[in-house]
C-alpha atoms as a PDB file:
ATOM      1  CA  UNK A   1      -8.735 -12.218  -5.649  1.00  0.00           C
ATOM      2  CA  UNK A   2      -9.489 -12.774  -1.969  1.00  0.00           C
ATOM      3  CA  UNK A   3      -7.996 -16.214  -1.371  1.00  0.00           C
ATOM      4  CA  UNK A   4      -9.061 -16.262   2.270  1.00  0.00           C
ATOM      5  CA  UNK A   5     -12.788 -15.728   1.757  1.00  0.00           C
ATOM      6  CA  UNK A   6     -13.868 -19.358   2.308  1.00  0.00           C
ATOM      7  CA  UNK A   7     -11.193 -20.307   4.816  1.00  0.00           C
ATOM      8  CA  UNK A   8     -12.402 -17.935   7.498  1.00  0.00           C
ATOM      9  CA  UNK A   9     -16.162 -17.988   6.963  1.00  0.00           C
ATOM     10  CA  UNK A  10     -16.663 -19.586  10.390  1.00  0.00           C
ATOM     11  CA  UNK A  11     -14.938 -16.633  12.056  1.00  0.00           C
ATOM     12  CA  UNK A  12     -17.275 -14.187  10.357  1.00  0.00           C
ATOM     13  CA  UNK A  13     -20.275 -16.229  11.516  1.00  0.00           C
ATOM     14  CA  UNK A  14     -18.897 -16.492  15.069  1.00  0.00           C
ATOM     15  CA  UNK A  15     -18.410 -12.747  15.368  1.00  0.00           C
ATOM     16  CA  UNK A  16     -21.831 -12.007  13.883  1.00  0.00           C
ATOM     17  CA  UNK A  17     -23.526 -14.322  16.397  1.00  0.00           C
ATOM     18  CA  UNK A  18     -21.458 -13.877  19.551  1.00  0.00           C
ATOM     19  CA  UNK A  19     -19.337 -10.726  19.316  1.00  0.00           C
ATOM     20  CA  UNK A  20     -20.800  -8.412  16.675  1.00  0.00           C
ATOM     21  CA  UNK A  21     -18.616  -5.442  17.682  1.00  0.00           C
ATOM     22  CA  UNK A  22     -15.435  -7.571  17.955  1.00  0.00           C
ATOM     23  CA  UNK A  23     -14.910  -6.588  21.569  1.00  0.00           C
ATOM     24  CA  UNK A  24     -13.221  -9.959  22.290  1.00  0.00           C
ATOM     25  CA  UNK A  25     -11.411 -10.230  18.941  1.00  0.00           C
ATOM     26  CA  UNK A  26      -7.912 -10.104  20.448  1.00  0.00           C
ATOM     27  CA  UNK A  27      -8.799 -12.887  22.915  1.00  0.00           C
ATOM     28  CA  UNK A  28     -10.388 -15.041  20.190  1.00  0.00           C
ATOM     29  CA  UNK A  29      -7.339 -14.820  17.929  1.00  0.00           C
ATOM     30  CA  UNK A  30      -4.957 -15.438  20.817  1.00  0.00           C
ATOM     31  CA  UNK A  31      -6.784 -18.693  21.559  1.00  0.00           C
ATOM     32  CA  UNK A  32      -6.871 -19.704  17.894  1.00  0.00           C
ATOM     33  CA  UNK A  33      -3.108 -19.289  17.750  1.00  0.00           C
ATOM     34  CA  UNK A  34      -2.746 -22.388  19.906  1.00  0.00           C
ATOM     35  CA  UNK A  35      -4.240 -24.589  17.184  1.00  0.00           C
ATOM     36  CA  UNK A  36      -2.529 -22.982  14.180  1.00  0.00           C
ATOM     37  CA  UNK A  37      -0.806 -25.790  12.261  1.00  0.00           C
ATOM     38  CA  UNK A  38       2.299 -23.718  11.669  1.00  0.00           C
ATOM     39  CA  UNK A  39       3.043 -23.924  15.393  1.00  0.00           C
ATOM     40  CA  UNK A  40       2.884 -27.729  15.299  1.00  0.00           C
ATOM     41  CA  UNK A  41       4.932 -28.110  12.102  1.00  0.00           C
ATOM     42  CA  UNK A  42       8.365 -28.079  13.823  1.00  0.00           C
ATOM     43  CA  UNK A  43       7.351 -31.270  15.657  1.00  0.00           C
ATOM     44  CA  UNK A  44       7.014 -33.237  12.401  1.00  0.00           C
ATOM     45  CA  UNK A  45       9.761 -35.834  12.088  1.00  0.00           C
ATOM     46  CA  UNK A  46       8.560 -37.805   9.070  1.00  0.00           C
ATOM     47  CA  UNK A  47       9.310 -37.016   5.453  1.00  0.00           C
ATOM     48  CA  UNK A  48       6.649 -34.707   3.991  1.00  0.00           C
ATOM     49  CA  UNK A  49       5.129 -34.279   0.542  1.00  0.00           C
ATOM     50  CA  UNK A  50       2.844 -31.243   0.329  1.00  0.00           C
ATOM     51  CA  UNK A  51       0.654 -30.487  -2.681  1.00  0.00           C
ATOM     52  CA  UNK A  52      -0.288 -26.806  -2.772  1.00  0.00           C
ATOM     53  CA  UNK A  53      -2.881 -25.154  -4.996  1.00  0.00           C
ATOM     54  CA  UNK A  54      -2.318 -21.434  -5.378  1.00  0.00           C
ATOM     55  CA  UNK A  55      -6.017 -20.674  -5.989  1.00  0.00           C
ATOM     56  CA  UNK A  56      -7.254 -22.564  -2.906  1.00  0.00           C
ATOM     57  CA  UNK A  57      -9.744 -20.446  -0.968  1.00  0.00           C
ATOM     58  CA  UNK A  58     -10.391 -23.122   1.689  1.00  0.00           C
ATOM     59  CA  UNK A  59      -6.747 -23.785   2.642  1.00  0.00           C
ATOM     60  CA  UNK A  60      -5.028 -20.556   1.549  1.00  0.00           C
ATOM     61  CA  UNK A  61      -1.503 -20.969   0.185  1.00  0.00           C
ATOM     62  CA  UNK A  62      -0.173 -18.488   2.747  1.00  0.00           C
ATOM     63  CA  UNK A  63      -1.119 -20.872   5.560  1.00  0.00           C
ATOM     64  CA  UNK A  64       0.395 -23.832   3.726  1.00  0.00           C
ATOM     65  CA  UNK A  65       3.684 -21.997   3.154  1.00  0.00           C
ATOM     66  CA  UNK A  66       3.740 -20.887   6.800  1.00  0.00           C
ATOM     67  CA  UNK A  67       3.504 -24.492   7.976  1.00  0.00           C
ATOM     68  CA  UNK A  68       5.832 -25.867   5.282  1.00  0.00           C
ATOM     69  CA  UNK A  69       8.578 -23.375   6.103  1.00  0.00           C
ATOM     70  CA  UNK A  70       8.609 -24.534   9.720  1.00  0.00           C
ATOM     71  CA  UNK A  71       8.903 -28.253   8.965  1.00  0.00           C
ATOM     72  CA  UNK A  72      12.425 -29.366   9.859  1.00  0.00           C
ATOM     73  CA  UNK A  73      12.335 -32.874   8.385  1.00  0.00           C
ATOM     74  CA  UNK A  74      12.962 -33.786   4.751  1.00  0.00           C
ATOM     75  CA  UNK A  75      10.209 -32.175   2.695  1.00  0.00           C
ATOM     76  CA  UNK A  76       9.013 -31.402  -0.808  1.00  0.00           C
ATOM     77  CA  UNK A  77       6.252 -29.163  -2.113  1.00  0.00           C
ATOM     78  CA  UNK A  78       4.497 -29.487  -5.464  1.00  0.00           C
ATOM     79  CA  UNK A  79       2.794 -26.311  -6.689  1.00  0.00           C
ATOM     80  CA  UNK A  80      -0.386 -26.261  -8.803  1.00  0.00           C
ATOM     81  CA  UNK A  81      -0.732 -22.586  -9.851  1.00  0.00           C
ATOM     82  CA  UNK A  82      -4.188 -22.736 -11.452  1.00  0.00           C
ATOM     83  CA  UNK A  83      -6.040 -25.074  -9.091  1.00  0.00           C
ATOM     84  CA  UNK A  84      -8.179 -24.475  -6.031  1.00  0.00           C
ATOM     85  CA  UNK A  85      -9.453 -26.822  -3.332  1.00  0.00           C
ATOM     86  CA  UNK A  86     -10.122 -29.738  -5.677  1.00  0.00           C
ATOM     87  CA  UNK A  87      -8.675 -32.971  -6.998  1.00  0.00           C
ATOM     88  CA  UNK A  88      -5.309 -32.324  -8.612  1.00  0.00           C
ATOM     89  CA  UNK A  89      -3.915 -33.927 -11.748  1.00  0.00           C
ATOM     90  CA  UNK A  90      -1.663 -36.868 -10.850  1.00  0.00           C
ATOM     91  CA  UNK A  91      -2.117 -36.335  -7.096  1.00  0.00           C
ATOM     92  CA  UNK A  92      -2.993 -39.975  -6.431  1.00  0.00           C
ATOM     93  CA  UNK A  93      -0.065 -41.360  -8.429  1.00  0.00           C
ATOM     94  CA  UNK A  94       2.329 -38.798  -6.953  1.00  0.00           C
ATOM     95  CA  UNK A  95       1.175 -39.581  -3.417  1.00  0.00           C
ATOM     96  CA  UNK A  96       1.374 -43.345  -3.964  1.00  0.00           C
ATOM     97  CA  UNK A  97       4.881 -43.079  -5.412  1.00  0.00           C
ATOM     98  CA  UNK A  98       5.926 -40.931  -2.460  1.00  0.00           C
ATOM     99  CA  UNK A  99       4.571 -43.471   0.026  1.00  0.00           C
ATOM    100  CA  UNK A 100       6.150 -46.391  -1.818  1.00  0.00           C
ATOM    101  CA  UNK A 101       9.482 -44.611  -1.629  1.00  0.00           C
ATOM    102  CA  UNK A 102       9.434 -44.277   2.157  1.00  0.00           C
END
């Protein structure tokens, strides 16, 4: 299963419209690196609860793990193996209980 197919659709469209032979690909990805959430994660100081769906094609798990692993504050991750980019069972209650516990 290609879990990244929906997450990067905009890149495919960009290259088709503006750089069909990917002549500026290296430059494009270098610039995108500046806004990659994993590079901002070490700046997080608050406690974090992350809900991760392993079948998510919009926010691929690999990107979520990359950011999560760089968070230095207290953190917890809840894994939903069979869910995609959708409402998760008990997510509202779990999130509320997390916030009430802060």
